[in-house]
Protein backbone atom coordinates (compact mmCIF):
# COMPACT_ATOMS: atom_id res chain seq x y z
CA UNK A 1 -0.24 0.32 0.14
CA UNK A 2 1.57 3.62 -1.13
CA UNK A 3 2.05 5.70 2.07
CA UNK A 4 4.31 8.39 0.55
CA UNK A 5 3.95 9.87 -3.34
CA UNK A 6 6.82 9.53 -5.99
CA UNK A 7 8.42 13.01 -6.52
CA UNK A 8 8.68 11.86 -10.38
CA UNK A 9 5.15 10.56 -10.75
CA UNK A 10 4.07 14.23 -8.88
CA UNK A 11 5.92 15.85 -11.70
CA UNK A 12 4.26 14.09 -14.36
CA UNK A 13 0.49 14.30 -12.48
CA UNK A 14 0.92 18.18 -12.35
CA UNK A 15 2.26 18.87 -16.03
CA UNK A 16 -0.65 16.33 -17.19
CA UNK A 17 -3.20 18.35 -15.18
CA UNK A 18 -2.19 21.33 -16.46
CA UNK A 19 -2.44 20.22 -20.08
CA UNK A 20 -6.00 18.93 -18.88
CA UNK A 21 -6.95 22.04 -17.73
CA UNK A 22 -5.74 23.99 -20.97
CA UNK A 23 -7.51 21.01 -22.80
CA UNK A 24 -10.97 22.24 -21.43
CA UNK A 25 -10.38 26.24 -21.75
CA UNK A 26 -11.45 27.38 -25.22
CA UNK A 27 -11.86 24.17 -26.68
CA UNK A 28 -13.52 25.53 -30.12
CA UNK A 29 -12.21 22.54 -31.73
CA UNK A 30 -14.56 20.06 -29.79
CA UNK A 31 -18.04 19.50 -31.14
CA UNK A 32 -20.92 17.74 -28.85
CA UNK A 33 -24.00 16.26 -30.68
CA UNK A 34 -26.94 15.32 -27.97
CA UNK A 35 -28.91 13.17 -30.23
CA UNK A 36 -31.85 12.72 -27.55
CA UNK A 37 -32.38 16.47 -27.97
CA UNK A 38 -31.15 16.94 -31.77
CA UNK A 39 -28.90 19.33 -30.17
CA UNK A 40 -25.22 20.40 -31.52
CA UNK A 41 -23.26 22.56 -29.28
CA UNK A 42 -19.58 23.86 -30.21
CA UNK A 43 -17.55 25.62 -27.01
CA UNK A 44 -17.05 29.35 -27.51
CA UNK A 45 -13.47 30.94 -27.11
CA UNK A 46 -13.51 31.60 -23.25
CA UNK A 47 -15.66 28.67 -21.94
CA UNK A 48 -14.42 26.25 -19.82
CA UNK A 49 -15.71 22.72 -19.73
CA UNK A 50 -16.46 20.70 -16.68
CA UNK A 51 -15.32 17.71 -18.55
CA UNK A 52 -14.23 17.16 -22.39
CA UNK A 53 -15.51 14.00 -22.37
CA UNK A 54 -18.35 13.00 -24.48
CA UNK A 55 -20.80 11.20 -22.53
CA UNK A 56 -24.61 10.50 -22.32
CA UNK A 57 -25.54 9.41 -18.67
CA UNK A 58 -24.62 5.90 -20.38
CA UNK A 59 -23.75 5.55 -17.46
CA UNK A 60 -21.00 8.31 -17.25
CA UNK A 61 -22.59 11.76 -17.06
CA UNK A 62 -22.64 14.55 -19.64
CA UNK A 63 -20.62 17.39 -18.07
CA UNK A 64 -19.80 19.01 -21.07
CA UNK A 65 -21.24 22.11 -19.86
CA UNK A 66 -19.43 25.20 -18.55
CA UNK A 67 -20.34 25.29 -14.90
CA UNK A 68 -19.83 28.66 -12.91
CA UNK A 69 -18.33 27.24 -10.01
CA UNK A 70 -16.36 24.75 -12.03
CA UNK A 71 -15.06 27.07 -13.76
CA UNK A 72 -14.20 29.41 -11.50
CA UNK A 73 -12.49 26.78 -9.73
CA UNK A 74 -10.36 26.06 -12.94
CA UNK A 75 -9.35 30.30 -13.15
CA UNK A 76 -8.06 29.63 -9.79
CA UNK A 77 -5.64 27.48 -10.53
CA UNK A 78 -3.79 28.94 -13.94
CA UNK A 79 -1.38 30.41 -12.60
CA UNK A 80 -0.36 27.06 -11.23
CA UNK A 81 -0.82 25.49 -14.98
CA UNK A 82 1.52 28.15 -15.96
CA UNK A 83 4.06 27.19 -13.64
CA UNK A 84 3.64 23.55 -14.87
CA UNK A 85 3.90 24.51 -18.35
CA UNK A 86 5.35 27.91 -18.83
CA UNK A 87 5.42 27.25 -22.72
CA UNK A 88 1.70 27.48 -22.37
CA UNK A 89 1.36 31.16 -21.27
CA UNK A 90 0.51 33.02 -24.22
CA UNK A 91 -2.34 30.88 -24.51
CA UNK A 92 -3.37 31.68 -20.75
CA UNK A 93 -3.35 35.05 -21.12
CA UNK A 94 -5.26 35.33 -24.07
CA UNK A 95 -7.69 32.63 -23.05
CA UNK A 96 -7.88 34.37 -19.34
CA UNK A 97 -9.33 37.56 -21.39
CA UNK A 98 -11.66 35.35 -23.77
CA UNK A 99 -12.97 33.72 -20.36
CA UNK A 100 -13.61 37.07 -18.63
CA UNK A 101 -15.38 38.44 -21.98
CA UNK A 102 -17.71 34.88 -22.02
CA UNK A 103 -18.33 35.36 -18.66
CA UNK A 104 -19.67 39.25 -18.88
CA UNK A 105 -21.48 38.00 -22.03
CA UNK A 106 -23.75 35.06 -20.54
CA UNK A 107 -24.18 37.19 -17.19
CA UNK A 108 -25.37 40.45 -19.42
CA UNK A 109 -28.36 41.81 -17.54
CA UNK A 110 -30.12 42.89 -20.93
CA UNK A 111 -30.12 39.53 -22.34
CA UNK A 112 -33.61 37.69 -22.58
CA UNK A 113 -34.25 33.91 -22.59
CA UNK A 114 -36.00 32.51 -25.64
CA UNK A 115 -39.85 32.55 -25.19
CA UNK A 116 -40.17 28.56 -25.71
CA UNK A 117 -37.52 25.80 -25.56
CA UNK A 118 -35.67 25.68 -29.07
CA UNK A 119 -35.34 22.01 -28.71
CA UNK A 120 -38.63 20.99 -28.02
CA UNK A 121 -39.68 20.05 -32.19
CA UNK A 122 -36.33 18.27 -32.15
CA UNK A 123 -36.32 16.16 -28.43
CA UNK A 124 -36.67 12.48 -28.84
CA UNK A 125 -40.37 11.50 -26.91
CA UNK A 126 -37.79 9.62 -24.06
CA UNK A 127 -35.79 12.71 -23.65
CA UNK A 128 -38.95 15.33 -23.04
CA UNK A 129 -38.56 14.61 -19.39
CA UNK A 130 -35.16 16.55 -19.06
CA UNK A 131 -36.44 19.64 -20.87
CA UNK A 132 -36.37 22.60 -19.34
CA UNK A 133 -39.99 24.55 -19.22
CA UNK A 134 -40.60 27.77 -21.42
CA UNK A 135 -41.41 29.54 -18.73
CA UNK A 136 -38.19 29.42 -16.84
CA UNK A 137 -36.31 30.15 -20.07
CA UNK A 138 -38.87 33.07 -20.61
CA UNK A 139 -38.14 34.40 -17.32
CA UNK A 140 -34.42 34.92 -17.95
CA UNK A 141 -33.40 38.47 -17.82
CA UNK A 142 -31.44 40.76 -15.40
CA UNK A 143 -30.16 39.64 -12.68
CA UNK A 144 -31.53 35.76 -13.22
CA UNK A 145 -28.65 34.98 -15.58
CA UNK A 146 -26.29 35.23 -12.27
CA UNK A 147 -28.76 32.57 -10.74
CA UNK A 148 -27.61 30.13 -13.47
CA UNK A 149 -25.31 27.18 -11.90
CA UNK A 150 -24.27 26.44 -15.82
CA UNK A 151 -24.69 27.31 -19.56
CA UNK A 152 -24.01 25.46 -22.65
CA UNK A 153 -20.29 25.44 -23.75
CA UNK A 154 -21.50 27.87 -26.70
CA UNK A 155 -22.39 30.47 -24.01
CA UNK A 156 -26.36 30.10 -24.86
CA UNK A 157 -28.93 28.91 -22.03
CA UNK A 158 -28.85 25.71 -20.36
CA UNK A 159 -31.91 23.86 -21.71
CA UNK A 160 -32.10 21.05 -19.72
CA UNK A 161 -34.02 20.53 -16.06
CA UNK A 162 -31.30 21.44 -13.38
CA UNK A 163 -31.29 22.65 -9.67
CA UNK A 164 -31.92 26.81 -9.39
CA UNK A 165 -30.92 29.40 -8.21
CA UNK A 166 -27.55 28.70 -7.28
CA UNK A 167 -25.36 31.58 -5.38
CA UNK A 168 -21.72 30.06 -5.38
CA UNK A 169 -20.55 30.53 -8.74
CA UNK A 170 -20.83 34.31 -9.47
CA UNK A 171 -18.80 34.59 -5.59
CA UNK A 172 -15.90 32.27 -6.66
CA UNK A 173 -15.98 33.77 -10.05
CA UNK A 174 -14.94 37.10 -8.31
CA UNK A 175 -12.34 35.93 -6.02
CA UNK A 176 -11.01 33.86 -8.68
CA UNK A 177 -10.39 36.68 -10.88
CA UNK A 178 -9.15 39.01 -7.98
CA UNK A 179 -6.67 36.13 -7.40
CA UNK A 180 -5.81 36.09 -10.61
CA UNK A 181 -4.99 39.51 -11.10
CA UNK A 182 -3.07 39.42 -7.98
CA UNK A 183 -0.94 36.56 -9.53
CA UNK A 184 -0.81 38.28 -13.34
CA UNK A 185 -1.65 41.80 -13.22
CA UNK A 186 -1.07 41.97 -16.81
CA UNK A 187 -4.62 40.43 -16.98
CA UNK A 188 -6.20 43.40 -15.62
CA UNK A 189 -8.42 45.54 -17.86
CA UNK A 190 -12.05 46.95 -17.89
CA UNK A 191 -13.30 43.84 -18.54
CA UNK A 192 -12.21 42.23 -15.40
CA UNK A 193 -13.14 45.07 -13.25
CA UNK A 194 -16.82 45.01 -14.63
CA UNK A 195 -16.99 40.91 -14.21
CA UNK A 196 -15.53 41.70 -10.55
CA UNK A 197 -18.35 44.53 -10.02
CA UNK A 198 -21.04 42.37 -11.33
CA UNK A 199 -20.05 39.52 -9.47
CA UNK A 200 -19.88 41.64 -6.01
CA UNK A 201 -22.84 42.90 -6.51
CA UNK A 202 -24.85 39.95 -7.22
CA UNK A 203 -23.25 38.21 -4.13
CA UNK A 204 -23.96 41.48 -2.13
CA UNK A 205 -27.86 41.22 -3.28
CA UNK A 206 -28.00 37.66 -2.28
CA UNK A 207 -25.98 36.97 0.51
CA UNK A 208 -27.06 34.29 3.14
CA UNK A 209 -30.44 33.70 1.45
CA UNK A 210 -31.23 29.70 1.21
CA UNK A 211 -30.13 28.29 -2.63
CA UNK A 212 -29.14 24.88 -3.95
CA UNK A 213 -26.00 24.46 -2.87
CA UNK A 214 -22.78 23.05 -4.48
CA UNK A 215 -23.58 19.59 -5.17
CA UNK A 216 -27.03 20.74 -6.62
CA UNK A 217 -29.00 18.55 -4.32
CA UNK A 218 -32.41 20.50 -3.16
CA UNK A 219 -33.89 21.64 -1.35
CA UNK A 220 -32.73 25.26 -1.47
CA UNK A 221 -30.53 26.20 2.23
CA UNK A 222 -27.79 28.04 3.68
CA UNK A 223 -25.17 25.82 2.93
CA UNK A 224 -21.86 26.95 4.83
CA UNK A 225 -19.77 26.16 1.23
CA UNK A 226 -22.03 29.07 -0.36
CA UNK A 227 -22.03 30.83 2.94
CA UNK A 228 -18.17 30.76 3.09
CA UNK A 229 -17.55 31.78 -0.64
CA UNK A 230 -19.86 34.67 -0.23
CA UNK A 231 -18.06 35.71 2.74
CA UNK A 232 -14.74 35.71 0.84
CA UNK A 233 -15.77 37.46 -2.24
CA UNK A 234 -17.06 40.36 0.03
CA UNK A 235 -14.11 40.41 2.19
CA UNK A 236 -11.98 40.42 -0.86
CA UNK A 237 -14.00 43.14 -2.37
CA UNK A 238 -13.94 45.27 0.69
CA UNK A 239 -9.90 44.97 0.94
CA UNK A 240 -9.87 45.71 -3.21
CA UNK A 241 -11.74 48.69 -2.73
CA UNK A 242 -9.49 50.00 0.32
CA UNK A 243 -6.40 49.45 -1.94
CA UNK A 244 -8.05 51.71 -4.52
CA UNK A 245 -8.68 54.68 -1.62
CA UNK A 246 -12.73 53.88 -1.54
CA UNK A 247 -14.84 52.24 1.18
CA UNK A 248 -17.39 49.43 0.66
CA UNK A 249 -19.93 49.65 3.78
CA UNK A 250 -22.46 47.51 2.31
CA UNK A 251 -19.95 44.59 1.70
CA UNK A 252 -18.12 44.97 4.89
CA UNK A 253 -21.82 44.99 6.47
CA UNK A 254 -23.04 41.66 4.44
CA UNK A 255 -19.92 39.77 4.80
CA UNK A 256 -20.25 40.50 8.89
CA UNK A 257 -23.88 39.37 8.71
CA UNK A 258 -22.48 35.94 7.00
CA UNK A 259 -20.21 35.50 9.99
CA UNK A 260 -22.77 35.90 12.45
CA UNK A 261 -25.12 33.65 10.50
CA UNK A 262 -22.65 30.92 9.98
CA UNK A 263 -22.88 30.56 13.85
CA UNK A 264 -26.34 28.75 13.66
CA UNK A 265 -24.56 26.13 11.00
CA UNK A 266 -22.12 25.57 14.23
CA UNK A 267 -22.30 21.80 15.42
CA UNK A 268 -22.83 21.69 19.13
CA UNK A 269 -21.25 18.74 19.63
CA UNK A 270 -17.57 18.96 17.61
CA UNK A 271 -17.87 22.77 17.35
CA UNK A 272 -16.92 22.21 13.55
CA UNK A 273 -19.17 23.66 10.92
CA UNK A 274 -22.30 21.71 9.80
CA UNK A 275 -23.58 21.15 6.05
CA UNK A 276 -26.02 24.25 6.23
CA UNK A 277 -27.82 26.06 8.62
CA UNK A 278 -30.52 24.05 8.19
CA UNK A 279 -28.54 20.50 8.92
CA UNK A 280 -28.98 18.54 11.72
CA UNK A 281 -26.29 18.15 14.59
CA UNK A 282 -23.65 15.87 12.95
CA UNK A 283 -24.07 16.46 9.25
CA UNK A 284 -20.94 17.56 7.79
CA UNK A 285 -19.96 17.70 4.15
CA UNK A 286 -16.22 18.01 2.50
CA UNK A 287 -17.80 20.97 0.35
CA UNK A 288 -17.39 23.38 3.64
CA UNK A 289 -13.63 22.13 3.73
CA UNK A 290 -13.29 23.05 -0.13
CA UNK A 291 -14.88 26.63 0.61
CA UNK A 292 -12.14 27.16 3.68
CA UNK A 293 -9.20 26.32 1.21
CA UNK A 294 -10.57 28.67 -1.63
CA UNK A 295 -10.71 31.44 0.75
CA UNK A 296 -7.33 30.31 1.88
CA UNK A 297 -7.00 32.53 4.99
CA UNK A 298 -4.46 32.16 7.62
CA UNK A 299 -6.43 34.06 10.29
CA UNK A 300 -10.52 34.95 10.96
CA UNK A 301 -13.25 32.52 11.71
CA UNK A 302 -12.63 30.83 8.29
CA UNK A 303 -8.94 30.37 8.50
CA UNK A 304 -7.19 26.81 7.51
CA UNK A 305 -6.18 26.42 11.12
CA UNK A 306 -9.15 27.77 12.92
CA UNK A 307 -10.70 25.40 15.66
CA UNK A 308 -13.76 25.20 13.57
CA UNK A 309 -12.01 24.01 10.71
CA UNK A 310 -10.33 21.04 12.11
CA UNK A 311 -13.39 19.77 14.38
CA UNK A 312 -14.86 19.88 10.72
CA UNK A 313 -12.01 18.04 9.01
CA UNK A 314 -11.81 15.68 11.82
CA UNK A 315 -15.42 15.03 11.79
CA UNK A 316 -15.57 14.05 8.16
CA UNK A 317 -12.35 12.06 8.25
CA UNK A 318 -13.77 9.78 10.85
CA UNK A 319 -16.76 9.57 9.01
CA UNK A 320 -15.17 8.29 5.70
CA UNK A 321 -12.77 6.19 7.62
CA UNK A 322 -15.39 3.94 8.79
CA UNK A 323 -17.61 4.12 5.51
CA UNK A 324 -15.60 3.27 2.75
CA UNK A 325 -13.88 -0.12 2.91
CA UNK A 326 -10.48 1.13 0.52
CA UNK A 327 -9.78 2.67 4.16
CA UNK A 328 -9.28 0.13 6.02
CA UNK A 329 -5.60 0.31 7.42
CA UNK A 330 -4.99 3.47 6.54
CA UNK A 331 -4.45 6.63 8.78
CA UNK A 332 -5.62 9.14 6.00
CA UNK A 333 -8.80 7.88 4.52
CA UNK A 334 -9.94 8.38 1.12
CA UNK A 335 -13.03 11.53 1.23
CA UNK A 336 -16.16 11.54 -0.26
CA UNK A 337 -18.93 14.28 -0.15
CA UNK A 338 -20.93 13.24 2.81
CA UNK A 339 -22.13 10.38 4.53
CA UNK A 340 -25.29 9.36 2.70
CA UNK A 341 -24.45 10.49 -0.54
CA UNK A 342 -25.48 7.73 -3.03
CA UNK A 343 -24.45 9.84 -6.30
CA UNK A 344 -22.81 6.71 -8.79
CA UNK A 345 -22.90 4.84 -5.65
CA UNK A 346 -21.19 6.99 -3.10
CA UNK A 347 -17.51 7.12 -3.06
CA UNK A 348 -14.55 8.79 -2.46
CA UNK A 349 -13.78 11.80 -4.67
CA UNK A 350 -10.94 13.29 -6.41
CA UNK A 351 -11.36 17.06 -5.34
CA UNK A 352 -12.26 16.25 -1.91
CA UNK A 353 -9.48 13.77 -1.30
CA UNK A 354 -6.76 16.19 -2.73
CA UNK A 355 -8.47 19.09 -0.96
CA UNK A 356 -7.42 17.42 2.63
CA UNK A 357 -4.01 16.45 1.36
CA UNK A 358 -3.96 20.33 0.53
CA UNK A 359 -5.34 21.40 3.41
CA UNK A 360 -2.77 19.46 5.64
CA UNK A 361 0.50 20.54 3.37
CA UNK A 362 -0.73 24.16 3.98
CA UNK A 363 -0.79 23.27 8.09
CA UNK A 364 3.31 22.22 7.42
CA UNK A 365 3.76 25.56 5.93
CA UNK A 366 2.52 27.35 8.58
CA UNK A 367 4.62 25.28 10.92
CA UNK A 368 2.78 21.94 11.98
CA UNK A 369 5.07 19.30 10.55
CA UNK A 370 3.19 16.72 11.40
CA UNK A 371 0.45 18.00 9.50
CA UNK A 372 2.97 17.13 6.28
CA UNK A 373 3.28 13.18 6.83
CA UNK A 374 -0.40 12.93 7.13
CA UNK A 375 -0.62 15.23 3.41
CA UNK A 376 1.90 12.64 1.83
CA UNK A 377 -0.39 9.70 2.70
CA UNK A 378 -3.67 11.29 1.31
CA UNK A 379 -1.07 11.72 -1.62
CA UNK A 380 0.16 8.81 -1.81
CA UNK A 381 -3.34 7.14 -1.51
CA UNK A 382 -4.40 9.12 -4.69
CA UNK A 383 -1.44 7.83 -6.68
CA UNK A 384 -2.20 4.39 -5.66
CA UNK A 385 -5.65 4.43 -7.25
CA UNK A 386 -4.48 6.75 -10.39
CA UNK A 387 -0.72 5.51 -10.79
CA UNK A 388 -0.39 6.65 -14.43
CA UNK A 389 -0.47 10.13 -15.44
CA UNK A 390 -1.12 9.56 -18.58
CA UNK A 391 -4.79 8.78 -17.60
CA UNK A 392 -6.84 11.88 -16.64
CA UNK A 393 -8.06 12.02 -12.77
CA UNK A 394 -12.18 11.03 -12.71
CA UNK A 395 -14.46 12.60 -10.41
CA UNK A 396 -14.58 9.53 -8.27
CA UNK A 397 -12.95 6.35 -7.41
CA UNK A 398 -14.38 3.07 -6.09
CA UNK A 399 -15.10 3.15 -2.38
CA UNK A 400 -13.79 -0.92 -2.30
CA UNK A 401 -11.46 -0.85 -5.61
CA UNK A 402 -9.96 2.82 -6.37
CA UNK A 403 -11.50 2.29 -10.08
CA UNK A 404 -12.31 5.49 -11.66
CA UNK A 405 -16.10 6.02 -11.64
CA UNK A 406 -18.21 8.60 -12.78
CA UNK A 407 -16.80 11.34 -15.08
CA UNK A 408 -13.42 10.06 -16.16
CA UNK A 409 -11.65 13.11 -16.75
CA UNK A 410 -12.76 16.23 -14.61
CA UNK A 411 -11.78 19.24 -15.23
CA UNK A 412 -12.34 20.22 -11.45
CA UNK A 413 -10.08 17.40 -10.53
CA UNK A 414 -7.37 18.63 -12.37
CA UNK A 415 -7.40 21.97 -10.87
CA UNK A 416 -7.54 20.13 -7.29
CA UNK A 417 -4.30 18.20 -8.22
CA UNK A 418 -2.23 21.51 -8.72
CA UNK A 419 -3.44 22.92 -6.21
CA UNK A 420 -2.33 20.22 -4.04
CA UNK A 421 1.13 20.08 -5.79
CA UNK A 422 1.67 24.00 -5.08
CA UNK A 423 0.92 23.32 -1.45
CA UNK A 424 3.19 20.74 -1.12
CA UNK A 425 5.94 22.93 -2.75
CA UNK A 426 5.21 25.88 -0.28
CA UNK A 427 5.21 23.42 2.39
CA UNK A 428 8.86 21.73 1.41
CA UNK A 429 10.17 24.93 1.43
CA UNK A 430 9.10 25.99 4.74
CA UNK A 431 10.11 23.30 6.69
CA UNK A 432 13.81 23.55 4.59
CA UNK A 433 13.73 27.16 5.87
CA UNK A 434 12.89 26.00 9.39
CA UNK A 435 15.99 23.73 9.84
């Protein structure tokens, strides 16, 4: 059983992840025909596919869409992709500009949705149940565009039924673009300013309301993932305004309200963050930890090292260590989403398992040397179930065998690997400097 990762495997897997991220971005050479709907889609420049795989729930899911959340997570990892593949820098600078323009176009408040679903005439009877209702499409206008979780890769509205509204996407996108400008100042432009302003205005408008959560499961609720994403965006927006000599009292007040609201999601027994304000005691979700990672704070209520973060991580570790057969004998267990998850059988996910590795690498970089060994065990686990860097990282791996499950090439998984590998570099540098 692999306990620590091979540095050569990490290097090869990092390069493969960077290339996978690039392949999903502005994939204008691809074409997706959904025969059941009579729907052909060609990605537009600036779109970021959640997966480049052509699948039709047979059984692999169809993720050939531009998800706002997934695209924001991918954008956040672009500087790491450039570091892994420096020769692609020119591609990425152009792609970032295209993605910002694409994002402005799909969220343009002056757009109007179609009066009727344009696929109605070409859809087979077997697929009619999946068509989005005409009334929903006709109602798309103004801020409603910012409530959409995903779009067709050509920028047209999503014509299939899905969970709405979702509020995590614009908040994550605002934070990602602000982080990109910090890392790559040359990408700053009037367009980036306009997109950040639009996303922050939306986050301010909806902060703290119930909505569909990050895993797109009903009912609408105040998930801690979404609340932390909103808080992070608004807090960063305040800092951005201050750096420009301005103030943002409304954003500050909204961010502070979220901190207060989050106390209602505190688990009384463990002290961790429950899945949502509405969740019962003892109900945790790894998405909460991912939101804390995206915020990346070293202090404050949602810091990586905060007591509530540690309690949430410990509760999830204990849950999955007992739940998955693949975790027998492991000190660092494969991590899923939540205990009762049944999607594709309910398995460990690559983004969550890599997220737990990243978190512990970050703790090691902050001086907690013992966290490094545990992070290495998680990365070693990933190597044991995905040993060949030539094979893309899937969405999940089987809870018993480790075989790839569900989507077999997930862009989010590639981004998660880049983040974890970069956190490992930082930890190694910090520990070397401390000697």
